[in-house]
């Protein structure tokens, strides 16, 4: 048991480094030599194809037997694989035989040349730009890797295997797809004719063990004081929008804020692809569904938000609003479902309000702009802005309160801002952190009425 615990601890530390902690992974500190791209393909591609086909011919339908346990299938594949390689006429060294066996095994049982990177806890994103052009993100920075697919057909087989597991499809009539792996990792695939130079695949990995507030504090995402403030806002049923760019850590922060929700409340989560990992007892998870091959059966985020209102929720958590669902979300926040949480793609708190306004107009409802802004001002209490900085770390850079309306403009006031003036250290990492502006939020008394006190030191400048 002690060895297993040691391995789990090591994997946990690798996840922490991968998220963007101040200490970068050892291989990154050493500035490793960037591997040379091998655009000529895999030198053992033909051998692997022959071995792969012989393995399929040998095992036949047993590869797809639903009654066969995964461990038993893996044992059969490896046994048959060794026999097939031993019969291969091409002269191969022992190392080459082992490598081919591992690659074909990964291809049959997993996701081909991507499998080692899916197993590596330090890697947070895998980007396939073609059969011989693969990059990974490690420690918030992107590096090319030596792995390659045999050809375009090999890459397409891997994409088809991923999307088929979750009941999705990708073909010329539907050349883009969002899916997820069994571990919750998010997958996006684009094929021709949309992708001009071959199929493209992007996989965003998520930690099997979700990050906690203590992890985000150790990363420098926020401080203890900011954590206490955000927890008070969640417990005090403030409606919170988490804003930021792609890969800035919005979903991770949403997951952490969701962990502050009381265990005795009924929580409904609504997502495009299920990523949130809540540990409360009373959680109902809903996931959107794309149309089938006939173009029917689609269930949009907006449909799920409307349906959730009939499920007697205490809290509604929408993974991300990106269309007319923004109108239904704002109405839910304004009609008794306080304490709801969501994320939106935007560069600043002010931009997030503009995006929400645009998305409400996408709902096709003829509303005057002032009415939309009044809805937003009345519904949203707090906007948390997150960014991935140049050093690869993910930080909360601004927390703003939505105060109300002045004429036709929504009024914001910053509660916390990031101190960029602290500069960078010798390794280029930002020294700054989130600091209070000295302004107390106007909903302080509302929280006090609920028995939640916000200590003065949370807002005192220079004390964070």
Protein backbone atom coordinates (compact mmCIF):
# COMPACT_ATOMS: atom_id res chain seq x y z
CA UNK A 1 0.00 0.00 0.00
CA UNK A 2 2.82 2.40 0.76
CA UNK A 3 4.21 2.00 -2.77
CA UNK A 4 0.77 2.68 -4.25
CA UNK A 5 0.40 5.77 -2.04
CA UNK A 6 3.83 6.99 -3.14
CA UNK A 7 2.86 6.60 -6.82
CA UNK A 8 -0.41 8.45 -6.26
CA UNK A 9 1.43 11.28 -4.49
CA UNK A 10 3.91 11.49 -7.35
CA UNK A 11 1.12 11.64 -9.91
CA UNK A 12 -0.61 14.34 -7.88
CA UNK A 13 2.54 16.47 -7.80
CA UNK A 14 2.92 16.02 -11.57
CA UNK A 15 -0.63 17.32 -12.06
CA UNK A 16 0.14 20.34 -9.91
CA UNK A 17 3.24 21.16 -11.95
CA UNK A 18 1.32 20.76 -15.19
CA UNK A 19 -1.34 23.30 -14.19
CA UNK A 20 1.16 26.13 -14.00
CA UNK A 21 2.65 26.19 -10.52
CA UNK A 22 5.57 28.55 -9.85
CA UNK A 23 7.99 25.62 -9.94
CA UNK A 24 8.10 24.39 -13.55
CA UNK A 25 8.66 20.70 -14.32
CA UNK A 26 12.30 19.64 -14.17
CA UNK A 27 12.63 18.99 -17.89
CA UNK A 28 11.30 22.50 -18.62
CA UNK A 29 13.75 24.21 -16.27
CA UNK A 30 16.55 22.51 -18.15
CA UNK A 31 15.24 23.97 -21.44
CA UNK A 32 15.15 20.62 -23.31
CA UNK A 33 16.15 20.47 -26.92
CA UNK A 34 13.05 20.76 -29.11
CA UNK A 35 12.64 17.46 -30.97
CA UNK A 36 13.04 17.53 -34.72
CA UNK A 37 9.75 17.12 -36.56
CA UNK A 38 9.64 13.94 -38.58
CA UNK A 39 7.38 14.89 -41.45
CA UNK A 40 8.45 11.87 -43.47
CA UNK A 41 6.23 9.54 -41.41
CA UNK A 42 6.94 6.51 -39.26
CA UNK A 43 9.80 4.31 -40.60
CA UNK A 44 8.02 1.25 -39.18
CA UNK A 45 4.62 2.29 -40.54
CA UNK A 46 4.35 -0.54 -43.08
CA UNK A 47 5.40 -3.17 -40.54
CA UNK A 48 2.88 -1.85 -38.02
CA UNK A 49 0.12 -1.92 -40.63
CA UNK A 50 0.89 -5.57 -41.45
CA UNK A 51 1.03 -6.53 -37.77
CA UNK A 52 -2.17 -4.61 -37.07
CA UNK A 53 -4.05 -6.32 -39.93
CA UNK A 54 -2.74 -9.77 -38.94
CA UNK A 55 -3.86 -9.15 -35.35
CA UNK A 56 -7.35 -8.14 -36.50
CA UNK A 57 -7.55 -11.20 -38.76
CA UNK A 58 -6.44 -13.46 -35.92
CA UNK A 59 -8.75 -12.18 -33.18
CA UNK A 60 -11.63 -11.17 -35.43
CA UNK A 61 -14.95 -10.47 -33.67
CA UNK A 62 -13.41 -11.00 -30.23
CA UNK A 63 -11.94 -7.50 -30.45
CA UNK A 64 -15.47 -6.10 -30.36
CA UNK A 65 -17.12 -8.62 -28.00
CA UNK A 66 -19.07 -6.52 -25.43
CA UNK A 67 -19.07 -9.44 -22.97
CA UNK A 68 -15.28 -9.63 -22.91
CA UNK A 69 -13.73 -7.81 -19.97
CA UNK A 70 -11.12 -5.17 -20.82
CA UNK A 71 -8.37 -6.95 -18.88
CA UNK A 72 -9.08 -10.24 -20.68
CA UNK A 73 -9.13 -8.51 -24.07
CA UNK A 74 -5.81 -6.81 -23.29
CA UNK A 75 -4.23 -10.16 -22.34
CA UNK A 76 -5.44 -11.79 -25.58
CA UNK A 77 -4.25 -8.89 -27.69
CA UNK A 78 -0.76 -8.96 -26.18
CA UNK A 79 -0.42 -12.72 -26.50
CA UNK A 80 -1.56 -12.76 -30.13
CA UNK A 81 0.51 -9.66 -30.86
CA UNK A 82 3.70 -11.37 -29.75
CA UNK A 83 2.96 -14.36 -31.99
CA UNK A 84 2.30 -12.09 -34.98
CA UNK A 85 5.50 -10.09 -34.49
CA UNK A 86 7.55 -13.29 -34.13
CA UNK A 87 6.27 -14.35 -37.56
CA UNK A 88 7.17 -11.01 -39.17
CA UNK A 89 9.87 -11.52 -41.83
CA UNK A 90 11.36 -8.01 -41.65
CA UNK A 91 14.63 -8.03 -39.63
CA UNK A 92 13.93 -6.22 -36.37
CA UNK A 93 16.01 -5.60 -33.27
CA UNK A 94 14.62 -6.47 -29.84
CA UNK A 95 14.04 -2.77 -29.10
CA UNK A 96 12.19 -2.31 -32.40
CA UNK A 97 10.01 -5.37 -31.70
CA UNK A 98 9.11 -4.02 -28.26
CA UNK A 99 8.30 -0.60 -29.67
CA UNK A 100 6.12 -2.01 -32.47
CA UNK A 101 4.31 -4.27 -29.98
CA UNK A 102 3.60 -1.33 -27.69
CA UNK A 103 2.46 0.92 -30.56
CA UNK A 104 0.09 -1.65 -32.04
CA UNK A 105 -1.23 -2.52 -28.58
CA UNK A 106 -1.92 1.16 -27.93
CA UNK A 107 -3.62 1.39 -31.31
CA UNK A 108 -5.92 -1.59 -30.65
CA UNK A 109 -6.64 -0.99 -26.96
CA UNK A 110 -6.19 2.79 -26.73
CA UNK A 111 -5.57 5.82 -28.91
CA UNK A 112 -2.47 4.88 -30.89
CA UNK A 113 0.60 7.15 -30.64
CA UNK A 114 -1.33 9.53 -28.35
CA UNK A 115 -1.65 6.93 -25.60
CA UNK A 116 1.68 7.72 -23.81
CA UNK A 117 0.73 11.41 -23.65
CA UNK A 118 -2.76 10.62 -22.38
CA UNK A 119 -1.13 8.62 -19.58
CA UNK A 120 1.36 11.38 -18.72
CA UNK A 121 -0.15 13.46 -15.87
CA UNK A 122 2.15 16.41 -16.64
CA UNK A 123 0.57 16.96 -20.07
CA UNK A 124 -2.58 19.08 -20.07
CA UNK A 125 -3.29 19.36 -23.82
CA UNK A 126 -2.55 17.32 -26.95
CA UNK A 127 -2.73 19.01 -30.36
CA UNK A 128 -2.57 16.94 -33.55
CA UNK A 129 -2.05 19.12 -36.64
CA UNK A 130 -1.74 16.17 -39.01
CA UNK A 131 -0.36 12.60 -39.00
CA UNK A 132 3.25 13.75 -38.50
CA UNK A 133 2.75 17.01 -36.61
CA UNK A 134 1.86 16.61 -32.92
CA UNK A 135 2.30 19.10 -30.06
CA UNK A 136 1.62 18.90 -26.32
CA UNK A 137 1.20 21.48 -23.57
CA UNK A 138 3.31 20.94 -20.48
CA UNK A 139 3.54 23.44 -17.64
CA UNK A 140 1.50 25.94 -19.62
CA UNK A 141 3.89 25.89 -22.60
CA UNK A 142 3.68 24.10 -25.95
CA UNK A 143 6.31 21.63 -27.22
CA UNK A 144 6.47 19.42 -30.36
CA UNK A 145 6.85 15.67 -29.80
CA UNK A 146 8.33 12.89 -31.91
CA UNK A 147 5.21 10.70 -32.05
CA UNK A 148 3.55 10.33 -35.46
CA UNK A 149 0.60 8.51 -36.99
CA UNK A 150 1.35 6.13 -39.85
CA UNK A 151 -0.78 8.12 -42.28
CA UNK A 152 -4.01 10.10 -42.56
CA UNK A 153 -6.10 6.92 -42.42
CA UNK A 154 -4.46 5.96 -39.12
CA UNK A 155 -5.32 9.35 -37.62
CA UNK A 156 -8.92 9.09 -38.89
CA UNK A 157 -9.29 5.63 -37.30
CA UNK A 158 -8.25 7.06 -33.95
CA UNK A 159 -10.70 9.97 -34.27
CA UNK A 160 -13.52 7.58 -35.24
CA UNK A 161 -12.78 5.39 -32.22
CA UNK A 162 -12.94 8.38 -29.85
CA UNK A 163 -16.19 9.82 -31.15
CA UNK A 164 -17.92 6.44 -31.51
CA UNK A 165 -17.52 5.77 -27.79
CA UNK A 166 -19.77 8.68 -26.91
CA UNK A 167 -22.28 8.15 -29.71
CA UNK A 168 -20.98 10.96 -31.92
CA UNK A 169 -19.98 10.84 -35.58
CA UNK A 170 -17.61 12.70 -37.87
CA UNK A 171 -17.75 12.50 -41.67
CA UNK A 172 -17.95 14.77 -44.70
CA UNK A 173 -21.52 15.76 -43.90
CA UNK A 174 -20.58 16.56 -40.29
CA UNK A 175 -16.85 17.40 -40.37
CA UNK A 176 -16.58 18.90 -36.86
CA UNK A 177 -17.27 17.15 -33.58
CA UNK A 178 -16.93 17.74 -29.84
CA UNK A 179 -16.64 14.62 -27.71
CA UNK A 180 -15.02 13.41 -24.52
CA UNK A 181 -12.90 10.49 -23.42
CA UNK A 182 -14.03 8.13 -20.63
CA UNK A 183 -11.86 10.09 -18.14
CA UNK A 184 -13.69 13.34 -18.98
CA UNK A 185 -11.01 14.82 -21.25
CA UNK A 186 -12.50 17.16 -23.86
CA UNK A 187 -11.95 16.27 -27.54
CA UNK A 188 -12.42 18.39 -30.66
CA UNK A 189 -11.89 16.94 -34.13
CA UNK A 190 -12.06 18.59 -37.56
CA UNK A 191 -11.66 16.67 -40.82
CA UNK A 192 -11.69 17.48 -44.54
CA UNK A 193 -13.13 19.30 -46.40
CA UNK A 194 -13.08 21.83 -43.52
CA UNK A 195 -9.50 20.97 -42.50
CA UNK A 196 -7.52 21.65 -45.68
CA UNK A 197 -4.27 19.89 -44.72
CA UNK A 198 -5.68 16.77 -43.07
CA UNK A 199 -7.57 15.85 -39.93
CA UNK A 200 -7.02 17.97 -36.80
CA UNK A 201 -7.47 16.70 -33.25
CA UNK A 202 -7.29 18.60 -29.96
CA UNK A 203 -7.57 16.89 -26.56
CA UNK A 204 -7.78 18.90 -23.34
CA UNK A 205 -7.05 16.65 -20.39
CA UNK A 206 -8.53 16.97 -16.93
CA UNK A 207 -7.08 15.69 -13.69
CA UNK A 208 -8.66 12.44 -12.47
CA UNK A 209 -8.46 13.94 -8.97
CA UNK A 210 -10.03 17.42 -9.24
CA UNK A 211 -8.01 20.40 -8.03
CA UNK A 212 -9.08 21.90 -4.72
CA UNK A 213 -8.93 25.45 -3.40
CA UNK A 214 -5.64 24.58 -1.68
CA UNK A 215 -4.19 23.57 -5.07
CA UNK A 216 -5.21 26.87 -6.68
CA UNK A 217 -3.64 28.76 -3.80
CA UNK A 218 -0.39 26.83 -4.29
CA UNK A 219 -0.50 27.63 -8.04
CA UNK A 220 -0.88 31.33 -7.27
CA UNK A 221 -4.30 31.44 -8.99
CA UNK A 222 -5.66 33.25 -5.94
CA UNK A 223 -4.74 33.88 -2.29
CA UNK A 224 -6.25 32.61 0.96
CA UNK A 225 -8.11 35.90 1.41
CA UNK A 226 -9.62 35.79 -2.10
CA UNK A 227 -10.60 32.15 -1.50
CA UNK A 228 -12.43 33.16 1.68
CA UNK A 229 -14.19 36.00 -0.15
CA UNK A 230 -15.33 33.77 -3.03
CA UNK A 231 -16.49 31.06 -0.63
CA UNK A 232 -18.57 33.64 1.26
CA UNK A 233 -20.12 34.80 -2.03
CA UNK A 234 -21.04 31.22 -3.00
CA UNK A 235 -22.52 30.47 0.42
CA UNK A 236 -24.30 33.83 0.33
CA UNK A 237 -26.01 32.87 -2.95
CA UNK A 238 -24.36 35.49 -5.15
CA UNK A 239 -24.68 34.89 -8.91
CA UNK A 240 -21.14 34.56 -10.30
CA UNK A 241 -19.83 34.63 -13.87
CA UNK A 242 -16.29 33.35 -14.51
CA UNK A 243 -14.82 35.07 -17.57
CA UNK A 244 -11.64 34.33 -19.50
CA UNK A 245 -10.02 33.09 -22.67
CA UNK A 246 -9.55 29.56 -23.95
CA UNK A 247 -7.33 27.50 -21.66
CA UNK A 248 -7.30 30.13 -18.90
CA UNK A 249 -8.64 27.70 -16.28
CA UNK A 250 -12.28 28.81 -16.13
CA UNK A 251 -13.65 25.29 -15.74
CA UNK A 252 -11.14 24.45 -13.01
CA UNK A 253 -12.10 27.58 -11.07
CA UNK A 254 -15.80 26.82 -11.62
CA UNK A 255 -15.21 23.34 -10.23
CA UNK A 256 -13.49 24.77 -7.14
CA UNK A 257 -16.24 27.36 -6.54
CA UNK A 258 -18.83 24.59 -6.94
CA UNK A 259 -17.10 22.66 -4.17
CA UNK A 260 -18.14 25.45 -1.77
CA UNK A 261 -21.84 24.73 -2.36
CA UNK A 262 -23.66 23.30 0.68
CA UNK A 263 -24.23 19.57 0.63
CA UNK A 264 -27.93 19.87 1.44
CA UNK A 265 -28.89 21.77 -1.73
CA UNK A 266 -30.22 20.35 -5.01
CA UNK A 267 -27.69 21.24 -7.73
CA UNK A 268 -28.29 20.94 -11.49
CA UNK A 269 -25.24 21.08 -13.78
CA UNK A 270 -25.65 21.75 -17.51
CA UNK A 271 -22.72 21.28 -19.91
CA UNK A 272 -21.84 20.73 -23.56
CA UNK A 273 -19.43 17.98 -22.52
CA UNK A 274 -19.52 16.80 -18.92
CA UNK A 275 -16.40 18.14 -17.16
CA UNK A 276 -17.52 19.29 -13.71
CA UNK A 277 -16.76 16.92 -10.85
CA UNK A 278 -18.95 17.80 -7.87
CA UNK A 279 -18.85 15.72 -4.70
CA UNK A 280 -22.10 16.85 -3.12
CA UNK A 281 -24.78 14.18 -2.69
CA UNK A 282 -27.66 15.89 -4.50
CA UNK A 283 -26.25 16.64 -7.98
CA UNK A 284 -28.15 16.19 -11.24
CA UNK A 285 -25.94 16.24 -14.34
CA UNK A 286 -27.32 17.19 -17.77
CA UNK A 287 -25.37 17.14 -21.04
CA UNK A 288 -26.31 18.67 -24.39
CA UNK A 289 -26.72 16.41 -27.41
CA UNK A 290 -25.92 17.17 -31.08
CA UNK A 291 -28.28 16.19 -33.92
CA UNK A 292 -28.21 12.65 -35.28
CA UNK A 293 -27.34 11.66 -38.84
CA UNK A 294 -30.79 12.80 -40.00
CA UNK A 295 -30.25 16.19 -38.41
CA UNK A 296 -32.77 15.51 -35.64
CA UNK A 297 -32.72 14.93 -31.92
CA UNK A 298 -30.48 17.85 -30.93
CA UNK A 299 -30.80 19.03 -27.33
CA UNK A 300 -29.21 22.45 -26.86
CA UNK A 301 -27.91 24.10 -23.70
CA UNK A 302 -30.86 26.48 -23.87
CA UNK A 303 -33.33 23.56 -23.80
CA UNK A 304 -31.58 22.11 -20.76
CA UNK A 305 -31.60 25.44 -18.90
CA UNK A 306 -35.33 25.80 -19.47
CA UNK A 307 -35.95 22.21 -18.45
CA UNK A 308 -33.84 22.59 -15.30
CA UNK A 309 -36.29 25.20 -14.00
CA UNK A 310 -38.87 22.40 -13.72
CA UNK A 311 -36.52 20.19 -11.71
CA UNK A 312 -36.76 22.20 -8.48
CA UNK A 313 -33.10 23.30 -8.42
CA UNK A 314 -31.53 25.24 -5.55
CA UNK A 315 -28.55 26.07 -7.78
CA UNK A 316 -28.01 25.96 -11.53
CA UNK A 317 -24.46 25.61 -12.86
CA UNK A 318 -23.99 26.10 -16.61
CA UNK A 319 -20.56 25.00 -17.83
CA UNK A 320 -20.51 27.74 -20.45
CA UNK A 321 -23.05 30.02 -22.12
CA UNK A 322 -22.32 30.71 -25.77
CA UNK A 323 -25.68 31.36 -27.45
CA UNK A 324 -29.31 32.21 -26.69
CA UNK A 325 -29.06 30.19 -23.47
CA UNK A 326 -27.72 33.42 -21.94
CA UNK A 327 -31.27 34.82 -21.88
CA UNK A 328 -32.66 31.79 -20.04
CA UNK A 329 -29.71 31.83 -17.63
CA UNK A 330 -30.24 35.50 -16.77
CA UNK A 331 -33.96 34.93 -16.29
CA UNK A 332 -33.25 31.96 -13.99
CA UNK A 333 -30.91 34.14 -11.90
CA UNK A 334 -33.60 36.81 -11.74
CA UNK A 335 -36.46 34.50 -10.77
CA UNK A 336 -35.42 32.92 -7.51
CA UNK A 337 -32.43 30.75 -8.45
CA UNK A 338 -29.82 32.84 -6.66
CA UNK A 339 -26.33 31.49 -6.32
CA UNK A 340 -26.03 30.22 -9.89
CA UNK A 341 -22.64 29.89 -11.58
CA UNK A 342 -21.50 29.94 -15.19
CA UNK A 343 -18.54 30.76 -17.45
CA UNK A 344 -18.18 32.89 -20.57
CA UNK A 345 -15.37 33.60 -23.04
CA UNK A 346 -14.31 37.24 -22.71
CA UNK A 347 -11.20 39.38 -22.22
CA UNK A 348 -12.46 41.49 -19.30
CA UNK A 349 -15.47 41.84 -16.98
CA UNK A 350 -16.81 44.64 -19.17
CA UNK A 351 -16.39 42.51 -22.30
CA UNK A 352 -18.19 39.60 -20.62
CA UNK A 353 -21.28 41.79 -20.16
CA UNK A 354 -21.12 42.82 -23.82
CA UNK A 355 -20.86 39.18 -24.88
CA UNK A 356 -23.84 38.21 -22.71
CA UNK A 357 -25.81 41.05 -24.28
CA UNK A 358 -24.92 39.79 -27.77
CA UNK A 359 -25.83 36.21 -26.86
CA UNK A 360 -29.22 37.29 -25.50
CA UNK A 361 -29.92 38.91 -28.88
CA UNK A 362 -29.05 35.54 -30.47
CA UNK A 363 -32.08 34.07 -28.71
CA UNK A 364 -34.25 35.73 -31.32
CA UNK A 365 -36.32 37.70 -28.80
CA UNK A 366 -36.97 41.30 -29.77
CA UNK A 367 -35.83 43.08 -26.60
CA UNK A 368 -34.50 46.64 -26.33
CA UNK A 369 -30.85 46.86 -25.35
CA UNK A 370 -31.69 48.68 -22.12
CA UNK A 371 -33.99 45.83 -21.03
CA UNK A 372 -31.22 43.30 -21.66
CA UNK A 373 -28.74 45.35 -19.65
CA UNK A 374 -31.22 45.71 -16.79
CA UNK A 375 -31.64 41.93 -16.79
CA UNK A 376 -27.86 41.44 -16.64
CA UNK A 377 -27.35 44.11 -13.97
CA UNK A 378 -30.10 42.61 -11.82
CA UNK A 379 -28.99 39.01 -12.28
CA UNK A 380 -25.18 39.06 -11.99
CA UNK A 381 -23.48 39.98 -8.75
CA UNK A 382 -19.83 39.15 -9.39
CA UNK A 383 -17.54 38.64 -12.39
CA UNK A 384 -14.30 36.70 -11.88
CA UNK A 385 -11.79 37.33 -14.68
CA UNK A 386 -9.17 34.65 -15.31
CA UNK A 387 -6.21 34.61 -17.70
CA UNK A 388 -3.28 32.45 -18.73
CA UNK A 389 -0.26 34.72 -18.41
CA UNK A 390 2.87 34.73 -20.56
CA UNK A 391 4.75 32.57 -18.06
CA UNK A 392 2.18 29.79 -18.56
CA UNK A 393 0.49 30.22 -15.16
CA UNK A 394 -3.26 30.63 -14.82
CA UNK A 395 -4.31 33.46 -12.55
CA UNK A 396 -7.44 35.32 -11.51
CA UNK A 397 -6.61 38.85 -12.64
CA UNK A 398 -9.72 40.77 -11.63
CA UNK A 399 -12.85 40.40 -9.49
CA UNK A 400 -15.53 42.98 -10.21
CA UNK A 401 -18.92 43.61 -8.63
CA UNK A 402 -21.91 44.48 -10.81
CA UNK A 403 -23.31 47.51 -8.98
CA UNK A 404 -26.29 48.46 -11.14
CA UNK A 405 -27.27 50.81 -13.95
CA UNK A 406 -26.34 54.42 -14.58
CA UNK A 407 -28.35 55.71 -17.53
CA UNK A 408 -27.88 52.98 -20.16
CA UNK A 409 -24.55 51.68 -18.82
CA UNK A 410 -23.98 48.80 -16.39
CA UNK A 411 -21.79 50.00 -13.52
CA UNK A 412 -18.88 47.86 -12.33
CA UNK A 413 -16.47 48.32 -9.44
CA UNK A 414 -13.26 46.33 -8.98
CA UNK A 415 -12.91 44.50 -5.67
CA UNK A 416 -9.57 42.85 -6.52
CA UNK A 417 -7.04 43.48 -9.32
CA UNK A 418 -3.79 41.77 -10.30
CA UNK A 419 -0.57 43.59 -9.42
CA UNK A 420 1.34 43.55 -12.71
CA UNK A 421 3.65 46.25 -11.31
CA UNK A 422 5.48 43.65 -9.19
CA UNK A 423 7.36 42.63 -12.34
CA UNK A 424 8.90 39.25 -13.07
CA UNK A 425 11.64 37.12 -11.52
CA UNK A 426 14.79 35.84 -13.23
CA UNK A 427 12.89 32.93 -14.82
CA UNK A 428 10.27 35.26 -16.31
CA UNK A 429 7.50 34.32 -13.84
CA UNK A 430 5.15 37.03 -12.61
CA UNK A 431 5.76 38.07 -9.01
CA UNK A 432 2.41 39.85 -8.68
CA UNK A 433 -0.77 38.56 -7.08
CA UNK A 434 -4.39 39.56 -6.71
CA UNK A 435 -4.67 42.54 -4.35
CA UNK A 436 -7.73 44.34 -2.92
CA UNK A 437 -8.62 47.79 -4.21
CA UNK A 438 -9.88 48.89 -0.79
CA UNK A 439 -13.53 48.88 -1.89
CA UNK A 440 -16.02 46.72 -0.03
CA UNK A 441 -18.79 45.15 -2.16
CA UNK A 442 -22.26 46.67 -1.84
CA UNK A 443 -23.78 43.26 -1.08
CA UNK A 444 -21.81 43.01 2.17
CA UNK A 445 -24.93 43.77 4.21
CA UNK A 446 -26.94 41.19 2.26
CA UNK A 447 -24.40 38.54 3.25
CA UNK A 448 -24.47 39.76 6.86
CA UNK A 449 -28.26 39.31 6.90
CA UNK A 450 -27.62 35.65 6.02
CA UNK A 451 -25.11 35.34 8.88
CA UNK A 452 -22.04 35.51 6.63
CA UNK A 453 -19.53 38.14 7.73
CA UNK A 454 -16.84 39.55 5.45
CA UNK A 455 -13.88 40.59 7.63
CA UNK A 456 -12.46 44.03 6.92
CA UNK A 457 -8.97 42.68 6.31
CA UNK A 458 -10.20 40.97 3.11
CA UNK A 459 -10.49 44.43 1.49
CA UNK A 460 -7.68 46.35 3.17
CA UNK A 461 -4.96 47.36 0.72
CA UNK A 462 -1.54 45.95 1.47
CA UNK A 463 -2.83 43.21 3.80
CA UNK A 464 -3.27 40.41 1.27
